[in-house]
Amino acid sequence: MRYNLKRHKILESLSKNHFEANSEKRSENFRLGLSFLEIDRILKVNPFIREKICSKLLSEKEIGYTNTQVTGFFLTDKGFDSYSSEKYIIENNKIIVKYIKNFVQIAIPILSLVIAVLALSLKFNSITKNIEEKVNSKNEKQIKSIELKLDSILNLQNKKKNSSNTLNSKND
């Protein structure tokens, strides 16, 4: 991914030289292209990485080797077109968008699953609480009903005792 930005940087550096080569106003110390050392210094890379970066530019014929005034690379017209159209910046942006798209395609289903599980858990807790309240309410009603029946039975027994006690006291 960073190689595309470095490719663009090479094209940018070589384009300055290319522009001067195609103009009528060349400086006295004009050299066609940039040396390998200059390119390494501009990109802040070692020769091995430079070769990896430049291999695509060479295969696309956007740069060429030069050995005239300097041993290095020069920019072709196709390379200048690629620089002006920002070909490698666009490729880099496509890679970034692809990474984001892949991340989103993975993250959204996972987040959806987490949200669904959380919603179901909350709904389950709500239903459980609601059922407990209904059961408790029904049990309380049954308990009150049983208490009322028990009270009425006790009252009846008390009345029977009282009436039998009254009868016994009258008989005495």
Protein backbone atom coordinates (compact mmCIF):
# COMPACT_ATOMS: atom_id res chain seq x y z
CA MET A 1 0.00 0.00 0.00
CA ARG A 2 2.77 2.45 0.91
CA TYR A 3 4.63 1.37 -2.18
CA ASN A 4 2.03 3.09 -4.34
CA LEU A 5 2.64 6.38 -2.55
CA LYS A 6 6.39 5.92 -2.99
CA ARG A 7 5.87 5.16 -6.69
CA HIS A 8 3.99 8.42 -7.00
CA LYS A 9 6.82 10.19 -5.17
CA ILE A 10 9.36 8.76 -7.64
CA LEU A 11 7.22 9.89 -10.55
CA GLU A 12 6.89 13.32 -8.96
CA SER A 13 10.67 13.68 -8.49
CA LEU A 14 11.38 12.44 -12.00
CA SER A 15 8.64 14.65 -13.49
CA LYS A 16 10.52 17.79 -12.46
CA ASN A 17 13.49 16.49 -14.38
CA HIS A 18 11.26 15.38 -17.28
CA PHE A 19 9.65 18.80 -17.51
CA GLU A 20 13.07 20.47 -17.71
CA ALA A 21 14.21 17.94 -20.36
CA ASN A 22 11.23 18.86 -22.56
CA SER A 23 11.59 22.62 -22.10
CA GLU A 24 13.92 24.94 -23.95
CA LYS A 25 15.35 26.34 -20.72
CA ARG A 26 17.68 23.67 -19.39
CA SER A 27 20.16 24.50 -16.69
CA GLU A 28 23.88 24.10 -17.35
CA ASN A 29 24.19 21.11 -15.07
CA PHE A 30 21.06 19.36 -16.38
CA ARG A 31 21.10 15.57 -16.12
CA LEU A 32 18.48 13.28 -17.56
CA GLY A 33 16.97 11.30 -14.70
CA LEU A 34 17.94 10.75 -11.08
CA SER A 35 20.66 8.50 -9.69
CA PHE A 36 19.83 5.46 -7.60
CA LEU A 37 21.33 7.18 -4.55
CA GLU A 38 19.16 10.28 -5.06
CA ILE A 39 16.06 8.11 -5.37
CA ASP A 40 17.04 6.15 -2.24
CA ARG A 41 17.48 9.44 -0.36
CA ILE A 42 14.15 10.86 -1.59
CA LEU A 43 12.22 7.70 -0.70
CA LYS A 44 14.27 7.00 2.46
CA VAL A 45 14.62 3.33 1.52
CA ASN A 46 17.44 0.87 0.85
CA PRO A 47 18.32 -0.34 -2.68
CA PHE A 48 16.39 -3.61 -2.23
CA ILE A 49 13.12 -1.79 -1.41
CA ARG A 50 13.80 0.71 -4.22
CA GLU A 51 14.01 -2.17 -6.68
CA LYS A 52 10.71 -3.60 -5.38
CA ILE A 53 9.04 -0.22 -5.76
CA CYS A 54 10.50 0.53 -9.19
CA SER A 55 9.91 -2.93 -10.69
CA LYS A 56 6.27 -2.11 -11.40
CA LEU A 57 7.17 1.27 -12.85
CA LEU A 58 9.71 -0.42 -15.12
CA SER A 59 7.30 -3.16 -16.22
CA GLU A 60 4.64 -0.53 -16.98
CA LYS A 61 7.30 1.41 -18.95
CA GLU A 62 6.66 4.51 -16.87
CA ILE A 63 10.37 4.85 -16.09
CA GLY A 64 13.48 3.63 -17.84
CA TYR A 65 17.12 3.02 -17.00
CA THR A 66 19.61 5.70 -17.87
CA ASN A 67 23.36 5.44 -17.94
CA THR A 68 24.27 8.61 -19.81
CA GLN A 69 24.96 11.42 -17.36
CA VAL A 70 23.78 9.52 -14.30
CA THR A 71 23.17 5.87 -13.47
CA GLY A 72 19.56 5.67 -12.43
CA PHE A 73 16.06 6.16 -13.80
CA PHE A 74 14.37 8.65 -16.10
CA LEU A 75 10.69 9.35 -16.64
CA THR A 76 8.91 8.35 -19.84
CA ASP A 77 5.90 10.11 -21.34
CA LYS A 78 3.70 7.30 -20.04
CA GLY A 79 5.18 7.84 -16.58
CA PHE A 80 4.41 11.55 -16.80
CA ASP A 81 0.80 10.71 -17.73
CA SER A 82 0.61 8.37 -14.72
CA TYR A 83 1.99 11.10 -12.46
CA SER A 84 -0.39 13.77 -13.73
CA SER A 85 -3.41 11.45 -13.45
CA GLU A 86 -2.25 10.39 -9.95
CA LYS A 87 -2.53 6.75 -10.97
CA TYR A 88 -0.77 5.35 -7.91
CA ILE A 89 -2.55 7.59 -5.42
CA ILE A 90 -5.85 6.37 -6.88
CA GLU A 91 -4.65 2.74 -6.62
CA ASN A 92 -3.66 3.38 -3.00
CA ASN A 93 -7.10 4.84 -2.24
CA LYS A 94 -8.74 1.79 -3.83
CA ILE A 95 -6.73 -0.47 -1.52
CA ILE A 96 -7.80 1.57 1.52
CA VAL A 97 -11.45 1.43 0.47
CA LYS A 98 -11.12 -2.33 -0.04
CA TYR A 99 -9.71 -2.75 3.49
CA ILE A 100 -12.50 -0.63 4.96
CA LYS A 101 -15.11 -2.55 2.97
CA ASN A 102 -13.74 -5.90 4.20
CA PHE A 103 -13.69 -4.64 7.79
CA VAL A 104 -17.26 -3.36 7.56
CA GLN A 105 -18.46 -6.61 5.98
CA ILE A 106 -17.08 -8.45 8.99
CA ALA A 107 -17.87 -5.92 11.72
CA ILE A 108 -21.52 -5.19 10.86
CA PRO A 109 -22.74 -8.80 11.14
CA ILE A 110 -20.83 -9.25 14.39
CA LEU A 111 -22.26 -6.02 15.83
CA SER A 112 -25.73 -7.03 14.63
CA LEU A 113 -25.38 -10.38 16.36
CA VAL A 114 -24.26 -8.73 19.61
CA ILE A 115 -27.17 -6.28 19.48
CA ALA A 116 -29.64 -9.10 18.74
CA VAL A 117 -28.35 -11.20 21.63
CA LEU A 118 -28.52 -8.19 23.94
CA ALA A 119 -32.08 -7.39 22.81
CA LEU A 120 -33.17 -11.00 23.31
CA SER A 121 -31.56 -11.09 26.73
CA LEU A 122 -33.34 -7.90 27.78
CA LYS A 123 -36.63 -9.20 26.38
CA PHE A 124 -36.17 -12.52 28.19
CA ASN A 125 -35.50 -10.69 31.45
CA SER A 126 -38.58 -8.54 30.91
CA ILE A 127 -40.77 -11.57 30.18
CA THR A 128 -39.38 -13.44 33.20
CA LYS A 129 -40.06 -10.46 35.46
CA ASN A 130 -43.58 -10.11 34.06
CA ILE A 131 -44.31 -13.82 34.62
CA GLU A 132 -42.97 -13.62 38.19
CA GLU A 133 -45.21 -10.64 38.90
CA LYS A 134 -48.28 -12.45 37.54
CA VAL A 135 -47.48 -15.61 39.49
CA ASN A 136 -46.89 -13.62 42.67
CA SER A 137 -50.12 -11.71 42.16
CA LYS A 138 -52.07 -14.93 41.55
CA ASN A 139 -50.47 -16.58 44.59
CA GLU A 140 -51.30 -13.57 46.74
CA LYS A 141 -54.94 -13.75 45.62
CA GLN A 142 -55.06 -17.47 46.38
CA ILE A 143 -53.47 -16.88 49.77
CA LYS A 144 -56.01 -14.16 50.59
CA SER A 145 -58.82 -16.43 49.43
CA ILE A 146 -57.52 -19.28 51.59
CA GLU A 147 -57.06 -16.90 54.53
CA LEU A 148 -60.66 -15.71 54.15
CA LYS A 149 -61.92 -19.30 54.03
CA LEU A 150 -59.80 -20.20 57.04
CA ASP A 151 -61.13 -17.17 58.91
CA SER A 152 -64.69 -18.11 58.06
CA ILE A 153 -64.07 -21.72 59.16
CA LEU A 154 -62.53 -20.50 62.41
CA ASN A 155 -65.44 -18.16 62.92
CA LEU A 156 -67.86 -21.01 62.40
CA GLN A 157 -65.98 -23.20 64.81
CA ASN A 158 -65.89 -20.40 67.36
CA LYS A 159 -69.62 -19.92 66.96
CA LYS A 160 -70.21 -23.62 67.41
CA LYS A 161 -68.10 -23.65 70.52
CA ASN A 162 -69.82 -20.59 71.82
CA SER A 163 -73.22 -22.01 71.12
CA SER A 164 -72.32 -25.35 72.66
CA ASN A 165 -70.85 -23.53 75.65
CA THR A 166 -73.98 -21.50 75.96
CA LEU A 167 -76.14 -24.58 75.79
CA ASN A 168 -74.03 -26.32 78.36
CA SER A 169 -74.21 -23.39 80.67
CA LYS A 170 -77.97 -23.25 80.33
CA ASN A 171 -78.25 -26.90 81.09
CA ASP A 172 -76.27 -26.55 84.21
